[in-house]
Amino acid sequence: MTPKSGIFLFGSCISAIASVGSVFELTSGVPELGVLATSLILAAAVPLTVILFLAAVKDTKNSMNS
């Protein structure tokens, strides 16, 4: 594992937490930031979680092969 893959994994965890929090806020009925802002956070955080996780895995694989 390289420092770069650790940063990718950290970002993936943070965006996953934001995704879960957004879902809870939206299902509560009255999100603190409003429905639009919370929906935008959710829409951005879900793909970002996947992209950063895959980047971390790819970086780790590349560092192990070298």
PDB file of N, CA and C in Angstrom:
ATOM      1  N   MET A   1       0.856  -1.184   0.000  1.00  0.00           N
ATOM      2  CA  MET A   1       0.000   0.000   0.000  1.00  0.00           C
ATOM      3  C   MET A   1       0.896   1.240   0.000  1.00  0.00           C
ATOM      4  N   THR A   2       0.562   2.173  -0.855  1.00  0.00           N
ATOM      5  CA  THR A   2       1.335   3.406  -0.950  1.00  0.00           C
ATOM      6  C   THR A   2       0.571   4.535  -0.256  1.00  0.00           C
ATOM      7  N   PRO A   3       1.254   5.638   0.042  1.00  0.00           N
ATOM      8  CA  PRO A   3       0.530   6.777   0.627  1.00  0.00           C
ATOM      9  C   PRO A   3      -0.601   7.275  -0.282  1.00  0.00           C
ATOM     10  N   LYS A   4      -0.373   7.218  -1.597  1.00  0.00           N
ATOM     11  CA  LYS A   4      -1.402   7.664  -2.535  1.00  0.00           C
ATOM     12  C   LYS A   4      -2.653   6.793  -2.438  1.00  0.00           C
ATOM     13  N   SER A   5      -2.476   5.488  -2.340  1.00  0.00           N
ATOM     14  CA  SER A   5      -3.654   4.617  -2.234  1.00  0.00           C
ATOM     15  C   SER A   5      -4.355   4.816  -0.891  1.00  0.00           C
ATOM     16  N   GLY A   6      -3.577   5.145   0.139  1.00  0.00           N
ATOM     17  CA  GLY A   6      -4.188   5.448   1.432  1.00  0.00           C
ATOM     18  C   GLY A   6      -5.047   6.698   1.376  1.00  0.00           C
ATOM     19  N   ILE A   7      -4.584   7.699   0.639  1.00  0.00           N
ATOM     20  CA  ILE A   7      -5.362   8.933   0.476  1.00  0.00           C
ATOM     21  C   ILE A   7      -6.636   8.650  -0.318  1.00  0.00           C
ATOM     22  N   PHE A   8      -6.515   7.837  -1.371  1.00  0.00           N
ATOM     23  CA  PHE A   8      -7.707   7.459  -2.141  1.00  0.00           C
ATOM     24  C   PHE A   8      -8.711   6.722  -1.256  1.00  0.00           C
ATOM     25  N   LEU A   9      -8.220   5.801  -0.443  1.00  0.00           N
ATOM     26  CA  LEU A   9      -9.100   5.029   0.430  1.00  0.00           C
ATOM     27  C   LEU A   9      -9.752   5.924   1.482  1.00  0.00           C
ATOM     28  N   PHE A  10      -8.977   6.858   2.023  1.00  0.00           N
ATOM     29  CA  PHE A  10      -9.527   7.808   2.990  1.00  0.00           C
ATOM     30  C   PHE A  10     -10.647   8.631   2.354  1.00  0.00           C
ATOM     31  N   GLY A  11     -10.419   9.131   1.151  1.00  0.00           N
ATOM     32  CA  GLY A  11     -11.443   9.899   0.445  1.00  0.00           C
ATOM     33  C   GLY A  11     -12.682   9.071   0.157  1.00  0.00           C
ATOM     34  N   SER A  12     -12.464   7.801  -0.165  1.00  0.00           N
ATOM     35  CA  SER A  12     -13.580   6.902  -0.421  1.00  0.00           C
ATOM     36  C   SER A  12     -14.428   6.711   0.837  1.00  0.00           C
ATOM     37  N   CYS A  13     -13.766   6.575   1.964  1.00  0.00           N
ATOM     38  CA  CYS A  13     -14.487   6.417   3.237  1.00  0.00           C
ATOM     39  C   CYS A  13     -15.294   7.674   3.577  1.00  0.00           C
ATOM     40  N   ILE A  14     -14.677   8.829   3.392  1.00  0.00           N
ATOM     41  CA  ILE A  14     -15.374  10.085   3.691  1.00  0.00           C
ATOM     42  C   ILE A  14     -16.588  10.258   2.785  1.00  0.00           C
ATOM     43  N   SER A  15     -16.434   9.969   1.504  1.00  0.00           N
ATOM     44  CA  SER A  15     -17.575  10.127   0.596  1.00  0.00           C
ATOM     45  C   SER A  15     -18.652   9.073   0.870  1.00  0.00           C
ATOM     46  N   ALA A  16     -18.258   7.887   1.321  1.00  0.00           N
ATOM     47  CA  ALA A  16     -19.257   6.871   1.691  1.00  0.00           C
ATOM     48  C   ALA A  16     -20.053   7.330   2.915  1.00  0.00           C
ATOM     49  N   ILE A  17     -19.368   7.932   3.876  1.00  0.00           N
ATOM     50  CA  ILE A  17     -20.059   8.460   5.058  1.00  0.00           C
ATOM     51  C   ILE A  17     -21.029   9.574   4.648  1.00  0.00           C
ATOM     52  N   ALA A  18     -20.597  10.423   3.725  1.00  0.00           N
ATOM     53  CA  ALA A  18     -21.479  11.492   3.234  1.00  0.00           C
ATOM     54  C   ALA A  18     -22.705  10.909   2.534  1.00  0.00           C
ATOM     55  N   SER A  19     -22.498   9.817   1.797  1.00  0.00           N
ATOM     56  CA  SER A  19     -23.626   9.164   1.112  1.00  0.00           C
ATOM     57  C   SER A  19     -24.644   8.637   2.107  1.00  0.00           C
ATOM     58  N   VAL A  20     -24.160   7.928   3.106  1.00  0.00           N
ATOM     59  CA  VAL A  20     -25.062   7.359   4.113  1.00  0.00           C
ATOM     60  C   VAL A  20     -25.775   8.465   4.872  1.00  0.00           C
ATOM     61  N   GLY A  21     -25.037   9.504   5.237  1.00  0.00           N
ATOM     62  CA  GLY A  21     -25.656  10.627   5.943  1.00  0.00           C
ATOM     63  C   GLY A  21     -26.724  11.309   5.109  1.00  0.00           C
ATOM     64  N   SER A  22     -26.461  11.443   3.825  1.00  0.00           N
ATOM     65  CA  SER A  22     -27.448  12.066   2.935  1.00  0.00           C
ATOM     66  C   SER A  22     -28.717  11.230   2.833  1.00  0.00           C
ATOM     67  N   VAL A  23     -28.547   9.922   2.761  1.00  0.00           N
ATOM     68  CA  VAL A  23     -29.729   9.039   2.706  1.00  0.00           C
ATOM     69  C   VAL A  23     -30.556   9.189   3.981  1.00  0.00           C
ATOM     70  N   PHE A  24     -29.882   9.185   5.136  1.00  0.00           N
ATOM     71  CA  PHE A  24     -30.616   9.359   6.389  1.00  0.00           C
ATOM     72  C   PHE A  24     -31.314  10.715   6.451  1.00  0.00           C
ATOM     73  N   GLU A  25     -30.628  11.766   6.002  1.00  0.00           N
ATOM     74  CA  GLU A  25     -31.233  13.097   6.001  1.00  0.00           C
ATOM     75  C   GLU A  25     -32.460  13.141   5.089  1.00  0.00           C
ATOM     76  N   LEU A  26     -32.342  12.554   3.909  1.00  0.00           N
ATOM     77  CA  LEU A  26     -33.470  12.589   2.969  1.00  0.00           C
ATOM     78  C   LEU A  26     -34.653  11.763   3.466  1.00  0.00           C
ATOM     79  N   THR A  27     -34.369  10.645   4.122  1.00  0.00           N
ATOM     80  CA  THR A  27     -35.479   9.811   4.608  1.00  0.00           C
ATOM     81  C   THR A  27     -36.103  10.371   5.882  1.00  0.00           C
ATOM     82  N   SER A  28     -35.414  11.302   6.547  1.00  0.00           N
ATOM     83  CA  SER A  28     -35.994  11.895   7.757  1.00  0.00           C
ATOM     84  C   SER A  28     -37.157  12.827   7.411  1.00  0.00           C
ATOM     85  N   GLY A  29     -37.184  13.296   6.167  1.00  0.00           N
ATOM     86  CA  GLY A  29     -38.273  14.160   5.741  1.00  0.00           C
ATOM     87  C   GLY A  29     -37.910  15.629   5.720  1.00  0.00           C
ATOM     88  N   VAL A  30     -36.999  16.072   6.585  1.00  0.00           N
ATOM     89  CA  VAL A  30     -36.628  17.484   6.647  1.00  0.00           C
ATOM     90  C   VAL A  30     -35.100  17.590   6.735  1.00  0.00           C
ATOM     91  N   PRO A  31     -34.396  17.493   5.591  1.00  0.00           N
ATOM     92  CA  PRO A  31     -32.935  17.598   5.630  1.00  0.00           C
ATOM     93  C   PRO A  31     -32.487  18.999   6.073  1.00  0.00           C
ATOM     94  N   GLU A  32     -31.437  19.058   6.883  1.00  0.00           N
ATOM     95  CA  GLU A  32     -30.949  20.340   7.401  1.00  0.00           C
ATOM     96  C   GLU A  32     -30.490  21.273   6.285  1.00  0.00           C
ATOM     97  N   LEU A  33     -29.883  20.735   5.253  1.00  0.00           N
ATOM     98  CA  LEU A  33     -29.378  21.561   4.156  1.00  0.00           C
ATOM     99  C   LEU A  33     -30.404  21.756   3.046  1.00  0.00           C
ATOM    100  N   GLY A  34     -31.559  21.149   3.189  1.00  0.00           N
ATOM    101  CA  GLY A  34     -32.584  21.222   2.148  1.00  0.00           C
ATOM    102  C   GLY A  34     -32.509  19.988   1.251  1.00  0.00           C
ATOM    103  N   VAL A  35     -33.579  19.708   0.576  1.00  0.00           N
ATOM    104  CA  VAL A  35     -33.670  18.519  -0.264  1.00  0.00           C
ATOM    105  C   VAL A  35     -32.716  18.613  -1.455  1.00  0.00           C
ATOM    106  N   LEU A  36     -32.653  19.767  -2.088  1.00  0.00           N
ATOM    107  CA  LEU A  36     -31.813  19.912  -3.277  1.00  0.00           C
ATOM    108  C   LEU A  36     -30.338  19.732  -2.944  1.00  0.00           C
ATOM    109  N   ALA A  37     -29.854  20.434  -1.941  1.00  0.00           N
ATOM    110  CA  ALA A  37     -28.431  20.344  -1.568  1.00  0.00           C
ATOM    111  C   ALA A  37     -28.073  18.930  -1.124  1.00  0.00           C
ATOM    112  N   THR A  38     -28.915  18.320  -0.330  1.00  0.00           N
ATOM    113  CA  THR A  38     -28.643  16.964   0.155  1.00  0.00           C
ATOM    114  C   THR A  38     -28.675  15.962  -0.993  1.00  0.00           C
ATOM    115  N   SER A  39     -29.587  16.148  -1.931  1.00  0.00           N
ATOM    116  CA  SER A  39     -29.648  15.266  -3.094  1.00  0.00           C
ATOM    117  C   SER A  39     -28.408  15.413  -3.966  1.00  0.00           C
ATOM    118  N   LEU A  40     -27.930  16.646  -4.116  1.00  0.00           N
ATOM    119  CA  LEU A  40     -26.711  16.874  -4.896  1.00  0.00           C
ATOM    120  C   LEU A  40     -25.489  16.242  -4.227  1.00  0.00           C
ATOM    121  N   ILE A  41     -25.423  16.345  -2.909  1.00  0.00           N
ATOM    122  CA  ILE A  41     -24.325  15.702  -2.175  1.00  0.00           C
ATOM    123  C   ILE A  41     -24.378  14.195  -2.394  1.00  0.00           C
ATOM    124  N   LEU A  42     -25.556  13.623  -2.294  1.00  0.00           N
ATOM    125  CA  LEU A  42     -25.716  12.185  -2.502  1.00  0.00           C
ATOM    126  C   LEU A  42     -25.340  11.792  -3.924  1.00  0.00           C
ATOM    127  N   ALA A  43     -25.790  12.573  -4.898  1.00  0.00           N
ATOM    128  CA  ALA A  43     -25.505  12.266  -6.303  1.00  0.00           C
ATOM    129  C   ALA A  43     -24.011  12.352  -6.612  1.00  0.00           C
ATOM    130  N   ALA A  44     -23.302  13.227  -5.932  1.00  0.00           N
ATOM    131  CA  ALA A  44     -21.855  13.359  -6.158  1.00  0.00           C
ATOM    132  C   ALA A  44     -21.058  12.339  -5.343  1.00  0.00           C
ATOM    133  N   ALA A  45     -21.523  12.026  -4.148  1.00  0.00           N
ATOM    134  CA  ALA A  45     -20.758  11.178  -3.235  1.00  0.00           C
ATOM    135  C   ALA A  45     -20.760   9.703  -3.641  1.00  0.00           C
ATOM    136  N   VAL A  46     -21.849   9.221  -4.173  1.00  0.00           N
ATOM    137  CA  VAL A  46     -21.921   7.795  -4.529  1.00  0.00           C
ATOM    138  C   VAL A  46     -20.904   7.427  -5.615  1.00  0.00           C
ATOM    139  N   PRO A  47     -20.898   8.129  -6.756  1.00  0.00           N
ATOM    140  CA  PRO A  47     -19.890   7.764  -7.763  1.00  0.00           C
ATOM    141  C   PRO A  47     -18.463   8.059  -7.294  1.00  0.00           C
ATOM    142  N   LEU A  48     -18.294   9.116  -6.507  1.00  0.00           N
ATOM    143  CA  LEU A  48     -16.967   9.448  -5.994  1.00  0.00           C
ATOM    144  C   LEU A  48     -16.435   8.337  -5.099  1.00  0.00           C
ATOM    145  N   THR A  49     -17.311   7.731  -4.297  1.00  0.00           N
ATOM    146  CA  THR A  49     -16.913   6.614  -3.445  1.00  0.00           C
ATOM    147  C   THR A  49     -16.366   5.469  -4.285  1.00  0.00           C
ATOM    148  N   VAL A  50     -17.081   5.123  -5.327  1.00  0.00           N
ATOM    149  CA  VAL A  50     -16.672   4.006  -6.190  1.00  0.00           C
ATOM    150  C   VAL A  50     -15.368   4.343  -6.927  1.00  0.00           C
ATOM    151  N   ILE A  51     -15.293   5.545  -7.474  1.00  0.00           N
ATOM    152  CA  ILE A  51     -14.099   5.943  -8.231  1.00  0.00           C
ATOM    153  C   ILE A  51     -12.860   5.942  -7.345  1.00  0.00           C
ATOM    154  N   LEU A  52     -12.960   6.521  -6.159  1.00  0.00           N
ATOM    155  CA  LEU A  52     -11.806   6.575  -5.263  1.00  0.00           C
ATOM    156  C   LEU A  52     -11.418   5.189  -4.756  1.00  0.00           C
ATOM    157  N   PHE A  53     -12.402   4.348  -4.483  1.00  0.00           N
ATOM    158  CA  PHE A  53     -12.089   2.984  -4.033  1.00  0.00           C
ATOM    159  C   PHE A  53     -11.362   2.212  -5.128  1.00  0.00           C
ATOM    160  N   LEU A  54     -11.867   2.307  -6.347  1.00  0.00           N
ATOM    161  CA  LEU A  54     -11.214   1.605  -7.451  1.00  0.00           C
ATOM    162  C   LEU A  54      -9.817   2.160  -7.716  1.00  0.00           C
ATOM    163  N   ALA A  55      -9.636   3.459  -7.556  1.00  0.00           N
ATOM    164  CA  ALA A  55      -8.311   4.063  -7.722  1.00  0.00           C
ATOM    165  C   ALA A  55      -7.348   3.542  -6.656  1.00  0.00           C
ATOM    166  N   ALA A  56      -7.823   3.377  -5.435  1.00  0.00           N
ATOM    167  CA  ALA A  56      -6.982   2.846  -4.358  1.00  0.00           C
ATOM    168  C   ALA A  56      -6.577   1.410  -4.647  1.00  0.00           C
ATOM    169  N   VAL A  57      -7.519   0.619  -5.115  1.00  0.00           N
ATOM    170  CA  VAL A  57      -7.216  -0.781  -5.439  1.00  0.00           C
ATOM    171  C   VAL A  57      -6.217  -0.851  -6.587  1.00  0.00           C
ATOM    172  N   LYS A  58      -6.440  -0.050  -7.617  1.00  0.00           N
ATOM    173  CA  LYS A  58      -5.539  -0.050  -8.771  1.00  0.00           C
ATOM    174  C   LYS A  58      -4.135   0.393  -8.374  1.00  0.00           C
ATOM    175  N   ASP A  59      -4.030   1.434  -7.556  1.00  0.00           N
ATOM    176  CA  ASP A  59      -2.725   1.922  -7.122  1.00  0.00           C
ATOM    177  C   ASP A  59      -2.001   0.868  -6.280  1.00  0.00           C
ATOM    178  N   THR A  60      -2.738   0.180  -5.433  1.00  0.00           N
ATOM    179  CA  THR A  60      -2.132  -0.870  -4.606  1.00  0.00           C
ATOM    180  C   THR A  60      -1.660  -2.025  -5.474  1.00  0.00           C
ATOM    181  N   LYS A  61      -2.484  -2.421  -6.455  1.00  0.00           N
ATOM    182  CA  LYS A  61      -2.078  -3.503  -7.374  1.00  0.00           C
ATOM    183  C   LYS A  61      -0.810  -3.119  -8.116  1.00  0.00           C
ATOM    184  N   ASN A  62      -0.755  -1.877  -8.616  1.00  0.00           N
ATOM    185  CA  ASN A  62       0.417  -1.429  -9.366  1.00  0.00           C
ATOM    186  C   ASN A  62       1.659  -1.393  -8.481  1.00  0.00           C
ATOM    187  N   SER A  63       1.517  -1.009  -7.230  1.00  0.00           N
ATOM    188  CA  SER A  63       2.681  -0.945  -6.343  1.00  0.00           C
ATOM    189  C   SER A  63       3.167  -2.345  -5.970  1.00  0.00           C
ATOM    190  N   MET A  64       2.267  -3.312  -5.953  1.00  0.00           N
ATOM    191  CA  MET A  64       2.665  -4.690  -5.617  1.00  0.00           C
ATOM    192  C   MET A  64       3.364  -5.363  -6.809  1.00  0.00           C
ATOM    193  N   ASN A  65       3.001  -4.954  -8.024  1.00  0.00           N
ATOM    194  CA  ASN A  65       3.600  -5.551  -9.217  1.00  0.00           C
ATOM    195  C   ASN A  65       4.988  -4.982  -9.522  1.00  0.00           C
ATOM    196  N   SER A  66       5.310  -3.818  -8.951  1.00  0.00           N
ATOM    197  CA  SER A  66       6.607  -3.228  -9.260  1.00  0.00           C
ATOM    198  C   SER A  66       7.682  -3.629  -8.279  1.00  0.00           C
TER     199      SER A  66
END
